[in-house]
């Protein structure tokens, strides 16, 4: 049918962003203006999408100035950046008055192109009419928009271009930077796949929504090849799923399904390297298949109890819903709107945030596991009563300390500490008080030791201290401080406070010629000497010579 919608300009201010016009699909891609003007146009809105079968489409717009004054107008084609070429034919009174052809490969040479928008100036005297025939030649999908604005509205529209897209791309760049830091910290494959997914997504968003054109003035067939990112993005998403869910190890069936999807996507990617325009024609169908497969795999993993997949499903649901809307838009099955035309970008952004959360949550899980393992190691290495190291840990760490001392040729001293008359404490006051005494001695050992000293409880009332870079005199001084601190301490009981003393045996180790076992034997001999000499004292064993370090009688 003949569609002849006319747009009336009846006011002083002009900002027409919602009106009717006509379109005609030129399947031959060869019709001239003279041939097209006599054909029937189908009515549509000023924002329309016609899918992949309408690569060359003519749009007809008739403007009637009934405002009573001259109108200086600017016809905006805000999606011109994604086209191969635009032809603008202006008729006055049925005669071609002006023609402008804009080849996007040379768009920067034209005064009509500004930050990705083609702007065609048009003056209409009072009572005058003009008809515009707009030939839109797209690379793949035909989605078109036209606005009619006065000078003030035109400037405002051009200044505000792509601020929402710039914000979206900026957020994704921040995620790329953050995830890059995570990759260098953890070297996990999923981090690198996620980074490439983000990069592919932000390139496609910046390209498809005009940010690259607006920021860099880049248009045409060379820039159009960047649409390969639309195919690389699901490739990296699939690889991310395989890595983050460890499908190769735990979910063999799902892994094979994802491998099959990956093979198809890589095939399309290779095709796109040679003919991106042809590869994009089935892109909407491929996107639908990809969403169906990944969503099905995710649901299967959810049923099998994967702890991360529920968060992936939330983000992927956003991706599926918004991309589904976009697929319908690009196929020309639904009316254009902000959500439909920006559906892919919105879906990518929301899923990217969900994937970032999954990575962070997985890091938390791994940190919790590591902390739990560290706690188990600590429990296995420490005495539960005193929280000092136990005998097993002492010997493993002592060997390392002696190796360092041997390398640096520094002395090491070892002390064996025993609580005097401890059996009498247990028999008189009970094991509860005995445990309090042991804890009190352990606290004294920790207070009077250095951070590099190794303090352990060997069992019962016996303790051992290994003192790196410590000779005889320093070891004797340390022993005396500990002995005095224990002697001065009091342990409260129901029958009143009690105090205990300790005996200490000291041996200075020569790391180049002696190991831990014989050194401990010599320290034990010194301890027995301290016991025989009256207790509450420290004795030194060095080269089989015993020496009193303090000669205190028991209190």
Protein backbone atom coordinates (compact mmCIF):
# COMPACT_ATOMS: atom_id res chain seq x y z
CA UNK A 1 0.00 0.00 0.00
CA UNK A 2 1.08 3.61 -0.56
CA UNK A 3 2.20 5.08 2.76
CA UNK A 4 2.38 8.85 2.83
CA UNK A 5 2.85 9.90 6.43
CA UNK A 6 3.61 13.58 6.78
CA UNK A 7 5.27 15.34 9.68
CA UNK A 8 3.83 18.74 10.55
CA UNK A 9 5.97 21.50 12.05
CA UNK A 10 3.51 23.80 13.78
CA UNK A 11 5.51 25.24 16.69
CA UNK A 12 8.46 27.52 17.30
CA UNK A 13 10.58 24.83 18.98
CA UNK A 14 11.22 21.64 17.05
CA UNK A 15 12.32 18.40 18.73
CA UNK A 16 10.70 15.54 16.86
CA UNK A 17 11.88 12.15 18.14
CA UNK A 18 8.66 10.15 17.70
CA UNK A 19 6.80 10.27 14.41
CA UNK A 20 5.76 8.14 11.42
CA UNK A 21 7.48 7.75 8.07
CA UNK A 22 7.76 5.13 5.30
CA UNK A 23 10.30 2.49 4.25
CA UNK A 24 10.99 0.33 1.21
CA UNK A 25 13.45 -2.62 1.20
CA UNK A 26 15.62 -2.65 -1.91
CA UNK A 27 16.50 -6.33 -2.22
CA UNK A 28 18.33 -5.66 -5.49
CA UNK A 29 20.46 -2.98 -3.80
CA UNK A 30 20.54 -1.13 -7.10
CA UNK A 31 17.45 1.10 -7.26
CA UNK A 32 18.03 4.79 -7.94
CA UNK A 33 16.23 7.75 -6.42
CA UNK A 34 14.26 8.22 -9.61
CA UNK A 35 13.08 4.61 -9.46
CA UNK A 36 12.33 4.52 -5.73
CA UNK A 37 10.16 7.65 -5.56
CA UNK A 38 7.31 6.01 -7.46
CA UNK A 39 7.20 2.84 -5.36
CA UNK A 40 4.95 2.00 -2.43
CA UNK A 41 6.41 2.67 1.03
CA UNK A 42 5.34 0.83 4.18
CA UNK A 43 4.56 2.98 7.20
CA UNK A 44 6.83 2.66 10.22
CA UNK A 45 8.13 4.70 13.11
CA UNK A 46 11.20 6.92 13.01
CA UNK A 47 13.06 4.20 14.94
CA UNK A 48 12.84 0.83 13.31
CA UNK A 49 14.68 -2.46 12.90
CA UNK A 50 14.29 -4.73 9.88
CA UNK A 51 16.76 -7.58 10.47
CA UNK A 52 19.41 -8.97 8.14
CA UNK A 53 17.31 -9.23 4.97
CA UNK A 54 17.00 -5.47 4.52
CA UNK A 55 20.62 -4.41 4.08
CA UNK A 56 19.61 -1.65 1.65
CA UNK A 57 16.45 0.18 2.70
CA UNK A 58 14.97 3.51 1.60
CA UNK A 59 13.15 5.70 4.11
CA UNK A 60 10.74 8.46 3.13
CA UNK A 61 10.08 11.50 5.29
CA UNK A 62 7.84 14.45 4.33
CA UNK A 63 8.02 17.66 6.40
CA UNK A 64 5.33 20.41 6.27
CA UNK A 65 6.15 23.77 7.88
CA UNK A 66 2.83 25.19 9.08
CA UNK A 67 4.33 27.27 11.89
CA UNK A 68 4.10 30.59 10.00
CA UNK A 69 7.83 31.23 10.20
CA UNK A 70 11.03 29.96 8.64
CA UNK A 71 12.44 26.84 10.29
CA UNK A 72 16.17 26.03 10.39
CA UNK A 73 16.16 22.28 10.90
CA UNK A 74 18.72 19.54 11.41
CA UNK A 75 17.87 15.97 10.44
CA UNK A 76 19.84 13.58 12.68
CA UNK A 77 20.69 9.99 11.77
CA UNK A 78 22.13 8.89 15.16
CA UNK A 79 22.97 5.33 14.07
CA UNK A 80 24.86 6.34 10.95
CA UNK A 81 28.15 5.09 12.43
CA UNK A 82 27.18 1.42 11.96
CA UNK A 83 26.20 1.78 8.30
CA UNK A 84 28.20 1.18 5.15
CA UNK A 85 26.82 4.27 3.42
CA UNK A 86 23.97 6.79 3.53
CA UNK A 87 22.32 8.62 0.64
CA UNK A 88 20.17 11.69 1.35
CA UNK A 89 17.91 12.98 -1.45
CA UNK A 90 15.98 16.22 -0.80
CA UNK A 91 12.92 17.01 -2.96
CA UNK A 92 11.12 20.34 -3.19
CA UNK A 93 7.86 20.46 -5.16
CA UNK A 94 8.54 17.04 -6.66
CA UNK A 95 12.00 18.01 -7.90
CA UNK A 96 15.35 16.82 -6.59
CA UNK A 97 16.83 19.91 -4.93
CA UNK A 98 19.86 18.45 -3.21
CA UNK A 99 21.70 15.17 -2.86
CA UNK A 100 24.36 14.03 -0.36
CA UNK A 101 26.14 10.67 -0.39
CA UNK A 102 28.04 9.66 2.73
CA UNK A 103 30.48 6.74 2.38
CA UNK A 104 31.46 5.66 5.90
CA UNK A 105 34.95 4.64 4.78
CA UNK A 106 35.51 8.34 4.09
CA UNK A 107 33.09 9.83 6.61
CA UNK A 108 35.72 12.06 8.22
CA UNK A 109 36.02 13.93 4.93
CA UNK A 110 32.35 14.97 5.11
CA UNK A 111 30.87 17.94 6.99
CA UNK A 112 27.73 15.87 7.59
CA UNK A 113 29.33 13.50 10.13
CA UNK A 114 29.69 14.47 13.78
CA UNK A 115 30.66 11.96 16.53
CA UNK A 116 28.92 9.06 14.78
CA UNK A 117 25.77 10.99 13.89
CA UNK A 118 24.98 12.15 10.36
CA UNK A 119 23.49 15.66 10.55
CA UNK A 120 21.73 17.06 7.48
CA UNK A 121 20.77 20.76 7.60
CA UNK A 122 17.42 21.76 6.09
CA UNK A 123 15.73 25.16 5.87
CA UNK A 124 11.97 25.35 5.39
CA UNK A 125 10.23 28.61 4.71
CA UNK A 126 6.79 29.23 6.18
CA UNK A 127 4.24 27.09 4.39
CA UNK A 128 6.94 25.12 2.55
CA UNK A 129 7.26 21.33 2.38
CA UNK A 130 10.19 19.01 1.69
CA UNK A 131 10.47 15.26 1.17
CA UNK A 132 13.60 13.35 2.12
CA UNK A 133 14.51 9.95 0.70
CA UNK A 134 17.16 8.32 2.92
CA UNK A 135 19.05 5.32 1.51
CA UNK A 136 20.50 3.23 4.36
CA UNK A 137 23.07 0.58 3.36
CA UNK A 138 23.99 -1.56 6.37
CA UNK A 139 26.79 -4.11 6.76
CA UNK A 140 24.49 -6.75 8.24
CA UNK A 141 21.52 -5.74 10.42
CA UNK A 142 19.29 -2.87 9.40
CA UNK A 143 18.38 -0.72 12.40
CA UNK A 144 17.64 2.88 11.68
CA UNK A 145 16.66 6.08 13.43
CA UNK A 146 15.98 9.65 12.37
CA UNK A 147 15.16 12.77 14.42
CA UNK A 148 14.16 16.27 13.29
CA UNK A 149 15.48 19.03 15.54
CA UNK A 150 15.98 22.76 15.63
CA UNK A 151 19.41 24.23 16.33
CA UNK A 152 19.08 24.29 20.11
CA UNK A 153 17.78 20.69 20.34
CA UNK A 154 20.42 19.53 17.85
CA UNK A 155 23.29 20.88 19.93
CA UNK A 156 21.85 19.38 23.07
CA UNK A 157 21.51 15.97 21.40
CA UNK A 158 25.08 16.01 20.06
CA UNK A 159 26.60 17.06 23.38
CA UNK A 160 24.80 14.29 25.27
CA UNK A 161 25.79 11.46 22.93
CA UNK A 162 26.78 8.12 24.46
CA UNK A 163 27.21 9.21 28.09
CA UNK A 164 25.39 6.08 29.26
CA UNK A 165 27.58 3.87 27.06
CA UNK A 166 30.73 5.60 28.28
CA UNK A 167 29.66 4.87 31.86
CA UNK A 168 29.01 1.22 31.00
CA UNK A 169 32.38 0.82 29.26
CA UNK A 170 34.14 2.60 32.13
CA UNK A 171 32.68 0.16 34.64
CA UNK A 172 33.82 -2.78 32.53
CA UNK A 173 37.33 -1.31 32.19
CA UNK A 174 37.46 -1.06 35.98
CA UNK A 175 36.49 -4.73 36.18
CA UNK A 176 39.23 -5.62 33.67
CA UNK A 177 41.81 -3.79 35.80
CA UNK A 178 40.55 -5.39 39.02
CA UNK A 179 40.49 -8.84 37.48
CA UNK A 180 43.97 -8.33 36.05
CA UNK A 181 45.25 -7.76 39.58
CA UNK A 182 43.47 -10.93 40.70
CA UNK A 183 45.08 -12.89 37.87
CA UNK A 184 48.58 -11.75 38.80
CA UNK A 185 47.83 -12.66 42.42
CA UNK A 186 46.32 -16.10 41.77
CA UNK A 187 47.24 -17.14 38.18
CA UNK A 188 43.82 -18.79 37.81
CA UNK A 189 42.66 -19.56 34.27
CA UNK A 190 39.17 -18.27 34.95
CA UNK A 191 40.59 -14.81 35.64
CA UNK A 192 42.22 -14.55 32.23
CA UNK A 193 39.11 -15.91 30.46
CA UNK A 194 36.95 -13.42 32.35
CA UNK A 195 39.30 -10.57 31.38
CA UNK A 196 39.05 -11.45 27.68
CA UNK A 197 35.27 -11.81 28.04
CA UNK A 198 35.14 -8.29 29.49
CA UNK A 199 37.41 -6.87 26.80
CA UNK A 200 35.34 -8.50 24.04
CA UNK A 201 32.14 -7.21 25.64
CA UNK A 202 33.30 -3.64 26.11
CA UNK A 203 34.70 -3.49 22.54
CA UNK A 204 31.37 -4.65 21.15
CA UNK A 205 29.38 -2.26 23.35
CA UNK A 206 31.63 0.68 22.45
CA UNK A 207 31.38 -0.24 18.76
CA UNK A 208 27.69 -1.05 18.50
CA UNK A 209 26.43 1.91 20.51
CA UNK A 210 28.63 4.51 18.86
CA UNK A 211 31.24 5.21 21.54
CA UNK A 212 34.15 4.32 19.25
CA UNK A 213 32.69 6.53 16.53
CA UNK A 214 32.01 9.33 18.99
CA UNK A 215 35.36 9.21 20.77
CA UNK A 216 37.71 8.35 17.89
CA UNK A 217 35.83 9.32 14.75
CA UNK A 218 36.28 5.77 13.42
CA UNK A 219 33.74 4.39 10.93
CA UNK A 220 33.44 2.14 7.94
CA UNK A 221 34.38 -1.39 6.94
CA UNK A 222 37.68 -1.48 8.86
CA UNK A 223 35.96 -0.62 12.13
CA UNK A 224 33.06 -2.94 11.36
CA UNK A 225 35.47 -5.89 11.58
CA UNK A 226 35.62 -5.27 15.33
CA UNK A 227 32.21 -6.94 15.45
CA UNK A 228 34.23 -10.16 15.65
CA UNK A 229 34.14 -9.41 19.38
CA UNK A 230 30.48 -10.44 19.33
CA UNK A 231 31.68 -13.96 18.52
CA UNK A 232 34.78 -13.99 20.75
CA UNK A 233 32.71 -12.95 23.77
CA UNK A 234 30.70 -16.22 24.07
CA UNK A 235 33.92 -18.15 23.40
CA UNK A 236 35.53 -16.69 26.51
CA UNK A 237 32.29 -17.05 28.47
CA UNK A 238 32.24 -20.77 27.63
CA UNK A 239 35.91 -21.14 28.60
CA UNK A 240 35.17 -19.29 31.83
CA UNK A 241 32.36 -21.70 32.66
CA UNK A 242 34.60 -24.70 32.00
CA UNK A 243 37.32 -23.27 34.25
CA UNK A 244 35.28 -21.85 37.15
CA UNK A 245 33.07 -24.94 37.47
CA UNK A 246 35.96 -27.36 36.77
CA UNK A 247 33.77 -29.32 34.37
CA UNK A 248 36.69 -31.35 33.00
CA UNK A 249 37.28 -32.83 36.46
CA UNK A 250 33.81 -33.13 37.98
CA UNK A 251 31.13 -32.85 35.25
CA UNK A 252 32.17 -34.81 32.20
CA UNK A 253 28.81 -34.71 30.38
CA UNK A 254 28.44 -30.96 30.76
CA UNK A 255 32.07 -30.52 29.80
CA UNK A 256 31.53 -32.36 26.49
CA UNK A 257 28.47 -30.21 25.76
CA UNK A 258 30.45 -27.02 26.38
CA UNK A 259 33.27 -28.37 24.23
CA UNK A 260 30.80 -28.88 21.38
CA UNK A 261 29.48 -25.33 21.78
CA UNK A 262 33.04 -24.05 21.88
CA UNK A 263 33.87 -25.83 18.61
CA UNK A 264 30.87 -24.20 16.90
CA UNK A 265 31.78 -20.76 18.22
CA UNK A 266 35.41 -21.10 17.12
CA UNK A 267 34.17 -22.13 13.66
CA UNK A 268 32.07 -18.96 13.46
CA UNK A 269 35.03 -16.92 14.71
CA UNK A 270 37.27 -18.24 11.92
CA UNK A 271 34.48 -17.54 9.40
CA UNK A 272 34.21 -14.01 10.76
CA UNK A 273 37.92 -13.38 10.25
CA UNK A 274 37.36 -13.86 6.51
CA UNK A 275 33.82 -12.45 6.10
CA UNK A 276 32.47 -10.77 9.21
CA UNK A 277 29.36 -9.47 7.44
CA UNK A 278 28.28 -12.96 6.40
CA UNK A 279 29.19 -14.46 9.78
CA UNK A 280 26.99 -11.93 11.56
CA UNK A 281 23.87 -12.79 9.58
CA UNK A 282 23.13 -15.89 11.70
CA UNK A 283 24.59 -14.22 14.81
CA UNK A 284 21.20 -13.73 16.43
CA UNK A 285 20.33 -17.39 15.94
CA UNK A 286 23.77 -18.41 17.20
CA UNK A 287 23.27 -16.21 20.27
CA UNK A 288 19.95 -17.92 20.97
CA UNK A 289 21.57 -21.36 20.69
CA UNK A 290 24.48 -20.30 22.90
CA UNK A 291 22.13 -18.95 25.56
CA UNK A 292 20.04 -22.13 25.49
CA UNK A 293 23.07 -24.41 25.82
CA UNK A 294 24.83 -22.44 28.57
CA UNK A 295 21.62 -21.99 30.51
CA UNK A 296 20.84 -25.71 30.26
CA UNK A 297 24.35 -26.65 31.41
CA UNK A 298 24.13 -24.17 34.28
CA UNK A 299 20.81 -25.60 35.43
CA UNK A 300 22.26 -29.12 35.24
CA UNK A 301 25.22 -28.06 37.41
CA UNK A 302 22.81 -26.41 39.84
CA UNK A 303 20.88 -29.67 40.21
CA UNK A 304 24.19 -31.45 40.87
CA UNK A 305 24.95 -29.09 43.75
CA UNK A 306 27.73 -26.87 42.40
CA UNK A 307 28.07 -24.06 45.01
CA UNK A 308 28.88 -21.29 42.51
CA UNK A 309 26.43 -21.97 39.72
CA UNK A 310 23.43 -20.40 41.46
CA UNK A 311 25.14 -17.00 41.24
CA UNK A 312 26.04 -17.66 37.62
CA UNK A 313 22.40 -18.50 36.92
CA UNK A 314 21.29 -15.15 38.34
CA UNK A 315 23.70 -13.21 36.12
CA UNK A 316 23.08 -15.46 33.14
CA UNK A 317 19.34 -15.03 33.53
CA UNK A 318 19.81 -11.29 33.11
CA UNK A 319 22.00 -12.02 30.09
CA UNK A 320 19.46 -14.40 28.55
CA UNK A 321 16.47 -12.11 29.14
CA UNK A 322 18.04 -8.92 27.81
CA UNK A 323 19.82 -10.64 24.94
CA UNK A 324 16.57 -12.41 24.05
CA UNK A 325 14.92 -9.01 23.78
CA UNK A 326 17.83 -7.79 21.66
CA UNK A 327 17.60 -10.83 19.35
CA UNK A 328 13.93 -10.04 18.71
CA UNK A 329 14.89 -6.41 18.07
CA UNK A 330 17.68 -7.22 15.60
CA UNK A 331 15.41 -9.63 13.74
CA UNK A 332 12.84 -6.86 13.45
CA UNK A 333 10.22 -8.76 15.46
CA UNK A 334 9.61 -6.13 18.17
CA UNK A 335 9.41 -2.36 18.22
CA UNK A 336 12.59 -0.41 19.03
CA UNK A 337 13.05 0.91 22.55
CA UNK A 338 16.01 1.74 24.76
CA UNK A 339 15.88 -1.69 26.39
CA UNK A 340 15.51 -3.60 23.10
CA UNK A 341 18.18 -1.65 21.25
CA UNK A 342 20.59 -1.76 24.23
CA UNK A 343 19.63 -5.24 25.39
CA UNK A 344 22.96 -6.89 24.57
CA UNK A 345 24.94 -4.19 26.37
CA UNK A 346 22.70 -4.31 29.42
CA UNK A 347 22.86 -8.11 29.50
CA UNK A 348 26.65 -8.13 29.15
CA UNK A 349 27.05 -5.56 31.90
CA UNK A 350 24.80 -7.36 34.37
CA UNK A 351 26.40 -10.72 33.68
CA UNK A 352 29.88 -9.21 33.96
CA UNK A 353 29.00 -7.98 37.45
CA UNK A 354 27.67 -11.42 38.36
CA UNK A 355 30.84 -13.10 37.08
CA UNK A 356 32.95 -10.67 39.09
CA UNK A 357 30.97 -11.66 42.18
CA UNK A 358 31.50 -15.36 41.39
CA UNK A 359 35.26 -14.86 41.15
CA UNK A 360 35.31 -12.92 44.43
CA UNK A 361 33.11 -15.51 46.11
CA UNK A 362 35.33 -18.34 44.87
CA UNK A 363 38.37 -16.52 46.26
CA UNK A 364 36.55 -16.31 49.59
CA UNK A 365 35.80 -20.04 49.49
CA UNK A 366 39.44 -20.83 48.71
CA UNK A 367 40.61 -18.48 51.47
CA UNK A 368 38.23 -20.14 53.93
CA UNK A 369 39.57 -23.56 52.90
CA UNK A 370 43.15 -22.31 53.22
CA UNK A 371 42.41 -20.76 56.61
CA UNK A 372 40.79 -24.00 57.73
CA UNK A 373 43.82 -25.96 56.55
CA UNK A 374 46.15 -23.52 58.28
CA UNK A 375 44.14 -23.88 61.46
CA UNK A 376 44.31 -27.67 61.21
CA UNK A 377 48.07 -27.45 60.66
CA UNK A 378 48.35 -25.12 63.64
CA UNK A 379 46.30 -27.47 65.79
CA UNK A 380 48.47 -30.38 64.71
CA UNK A 381 51.60 -28.39 65.58
CA UNK A 382 50.55 -26.95 68.94
CA UNK A 383 49.82 -28.19 72.43
CA UNK A 384 46.08 -27.69 73.12
CA UNK A 385 46.58 -26.64 76.77
CA UNK A 386 49.38 -24.08 76.50
CA UNK A 387 49.16 -23.19 72.78
CA UNK A 388 52.91 -23.71 72.58
CA UNK A 389 54.39 -25.81 69.80
CA UNK A 390 54.45 -29.57 70.38
CA UNK A 391 57.35 -32.02 70.23
CA UNK A 392 56.80 -33.00 66.57
CA UNK A 393 56.78 -29.45 65.28
CA UNK A 394 59.79 -28.56 67.47
CA UNK A 395 62.01 -31.16 65.84
CA UNK A 396 61.00 -30.27 62.27
CA UNK A 397 61.55 -26.55 62.87
CA UNK A 398 64.71 -27.08 64.93
CA UNK A 399 66.41 -28.83 62.02
CA UNK A 400 65.71 -25.82 59.83
CA UNK A 401 67.07 -23.40 62.47
CA UNK A 402 70.24 -25.45 62.85
CA UNK A 403 70.75 -25.47 59.07
CA UNK A 404 70.55 -21.67 59.01
CA UNK A 405 72.94 -21.44 61.95
CA UNK A 406 75.37 -23.78 60.21
CA UNK A 407 75.22 -21.66 57.06
CA UNK A 408 75.75 -18.39 58.97
CA UNK A 409 78.17 -19.93 61.51
CA UNK A 410 76.19 -18.59 64.50
CA UNK A 411 75.71 -20.23 67.91
CA UNK A 412 72.41 -21.80 69.02
CA UNK A 413 71.40 -22.62 72.58
CA UNK A 414 68.78 -25.05 73.79
CA UNK A 415 67.08 -25.08 77.21
CA UNK A 416 65.10 -27.87 78.84
CA UNK A 417 62.71 -26.66 81.55
CA UNK A 418 60.98 -28.82 84.16
CA UNK A 419 58.54 -27.79 86.91
CA UNK A 420 59.85 -28.74 90.36
CA UNK A 421 57.78 -31.16 92.50
CA UNK A 422 54.93 -31.08 89.96
CA UNK A 423 53.58 -34.48 91.00
CA UNK A 424 53.11 -33.10 94.53
CA UNK A 425 51.07 -30.18 93.09
CA UNK A 426 48.74 -32.59 91.28
CA UNK A 427 48.41 -34.91 94.28
CA UNK A 428 47.71 -32.05 96.73
CA UNK A 429 45.61 -29.64 94.67
CA UNK A 430 44.29 -31.74 91.77
CA UNK A 431 44.96 -31.81 88.06
CA UNK A 432 42.96 -28.61 87.43
CA UNK A 433 45.40 -26.59 89.52
CA UNK A 434 48.25 -28.52 87.90
CA UNK A 435 47.02 -27.39 84.48
CA UNK A 436 46.93 -23.78 85.75
CA UNK A 437 50.55 -24.08 86.85
CA UNK A 438 51.58 -25.47 83.45
CA UNK A 439 49.78 -22.62 81.66
CA UNK A 440 51.44 -20.07 83.96
CA UNK A 441 54.92 -21.45 83.16
CA UNK A 442 54.08 -21.45 79.42
CA UNK A 443 53.05 -17.78 79.64
CA UNK A 444 56.32 -16.92 81.39
CA UNK A 445 58.24 -18.68 78.62
CA UNK A 446 56.40 -16.72 75.95
CA UNK A 447 56.83 -13.39 77.78
CA UNK A 448 60.58 -13.81 78.19
CA UNK A 449 61.34 -15.23 74.75
CA UNK A 450 62.05 -13.44 71.48
CA UNK A 451 59.93 -13.74 68.35
CA UNK A 452 62.61 -15.88 66.69
CA UNK A 453 62.91 -18.29 69.63
CA UNK A 454 61.23 -21.69 69.35
CA UNK A 455 59.24 -22.60 72.49
CA UNK A 456 57.56 -26.01 72.85
CA UNK A 457 55.92 -28.22 75.44
CA UNK A 458 57.36 -31.72 75.25
CA UNK A 459 54.73 -33.25 77.50
CA UNK A 460 53.67 -33.22 81.13
CA UNK A 461 55.64 -30.54 82.99
CA UNK A 462 58.59 -30.45 80.56
CA UNK A 463 59.31 -27.59 78.12
CA UNK A 464 62.05 -26.88 75.58
CA UNK A 465 63.35 -23.58 74.17
CA UNK A 466 65.65 -23.21 71.17
CA UNK A 467 67.46 -19.86 71.02
CA UNK A 468 69.00 -18.96 67.62
CA UNK A 469 72.07 -16.69 67.53
CA UNK A 470 72.50 -17.14 71.27
CA UNK A 471 75.68 -18.02 73.13
CA UNK A 472 76.14 -19.26 76.67
CA UNK A 473 75.95 -15.95 78.54
CA UNK A 474 72.80 -14.81 76.71
CA UNK A 475 71.16 -18.20 77.29
CA UNK A 476 72.02 -18.06 81.00
CA UNK A 477 70.52 -14.56 81.23
CA UNK A 478 67.31 -15.69 79.52
CA UNK A 479 67.09 -18.74 81.80
CA UNK A 480 67.51 -16.60 84.89
CA UNK A 481 64.75 -14.20 83.83
CA UNK A 482 62.34 -17.08 83.22
CA UNK A 483 63.28 -18.80 86.50
CA UNK A 484 62.74 -15.59 88.49
CA UNK A 485 59.40 -14.87 86.79
CA UNK A 486 58.05 -18.34 87.59
CA UNK A 487 59.29 -18.15 91.19
CA UNK A 488 57.52 -14.80 91.67
CA UNK A 489 54.22 -15.98 90.14
CA UNK A 490 51.32 -17.21 92.24
CA UNK A 491 48.55 -19.63 91.31
CA UNK A 492 45.26 -19.10 93.20
CA UNK A 493 43.55 -22.17 94.71
CA UNK A 494 40.66 -22.80 97.07
CA UNK A 495 43.13 -23.18 99.93
CA UNK A 496 45.17 -20.10 99.06
CA UNK A 497 47.83 -19.12 96.56
CA UNK A 498 50.62 -21.51 95.72
CA UNK A 499 53.91 -20.90 93.97
CA UNK A 500 56.16 -23.20 92.01
CA UNK A 501 59.72 -23.18 90.77
CA UNK A 502 61.46 -24.60 87.73
CA UNK A 503 64.81 -26.17 86.95
CA UNK A 504 66.57 -25.48 83.67
CA UNK A 505 69.25 -27.31 81.74
CA UNK A 506 71.20 -25.39 79.07
CA UNK A 507 73.41 -26.60 76.22
CA UNK A 508 75.18 -24.47 73.63
CA UNK A 509 75.07 -26.17 70.23
CA UNK A 510 77.82 -26.08 67.65
CA UNK A 511 75.72 -26.43 64.46
CA UNK A 512 78.66 -27.49 62.28
CA UNK A 513 79.38 -30.56 64.41
CA UNK A 514 76.24 -31.35 66.41
CA UNK A 515 72.62 -32.19 65.71
CA UNK A 516 69.51 -31.63 67.80
CA UNK A 517 69.30 -35.01 69.56
CA UNK A 518 72.73 -35.02 71.24
CA UNK A 519 72.32 -31.34 72.14
CA UNK A 520 69.03 -32.13 73.89
CA UNK A 521 70.70 -35.02 75.71
CA UNK A 522 73.35 -32.64 77.03
CA UNK A 523 70.67 -30.13 78.06
CA UNK A 524 68.85 -33.00 79.87
CA UNK A 525 72.06 -33.83 81.71
CA UNK A 526 72.32 -30.21 82.79
CA UNK A 527 68.69 -30.32 83.94
CA UNK A 528 69.35 -33.41 86.07
CA UNK A 529 72.34 -31.62 87.57
CA UNK A 530 70.08 -28.66 88.44
CA UNK A 531 67.62 -31.06 90.10
CA UNK A 532 70.39 -32.80 92.08
CA UNK A 533 71.78 -29.41 93.12
CA UNK A 534 68.57 -28.36 94.86
CA UNK A 535 66.20 -27.28 92.02
CA UNK A 536 65.05 -23.73 91.20
CA UNK A 537 68.20 -23.10 89.24
CA UNK A 538 69.77 -23.36 85.79
CA UNK A 539 72.82 -25.40 84.88
CA UNK A 540 74.88 -25.38 81.71
CA UNK A 541 76.37 -28.37 79.93
CA UNK A 542 79.13 -27.57 77.52
CA UNK A 543 81.67 -30.11 76.32
CA UNK A 544 80.68 -32.39 79.23
CA UNK A 545 81.35 -29.67 81.84
CA UNK A 546 78.53 -28.62 84.16
CA UNK A 547 78.30 -25.08 85.47
CA UNK A 548 75.77 -23.43 87.75
CA UNK A 549 74.17 -20.39 86.21
CA UNK A 550 72.34 -19.55 89.45
CA UNK A 551 72.53 -21.06 92.88
CA UNK A 552 69.15 -20.41 94.43
CA UNK A 553 67.78 -22.65 97.11
CA UNK A 554 64.13 -23.68 96.88
CA UNK A 555 61.75 -21.42 98.72
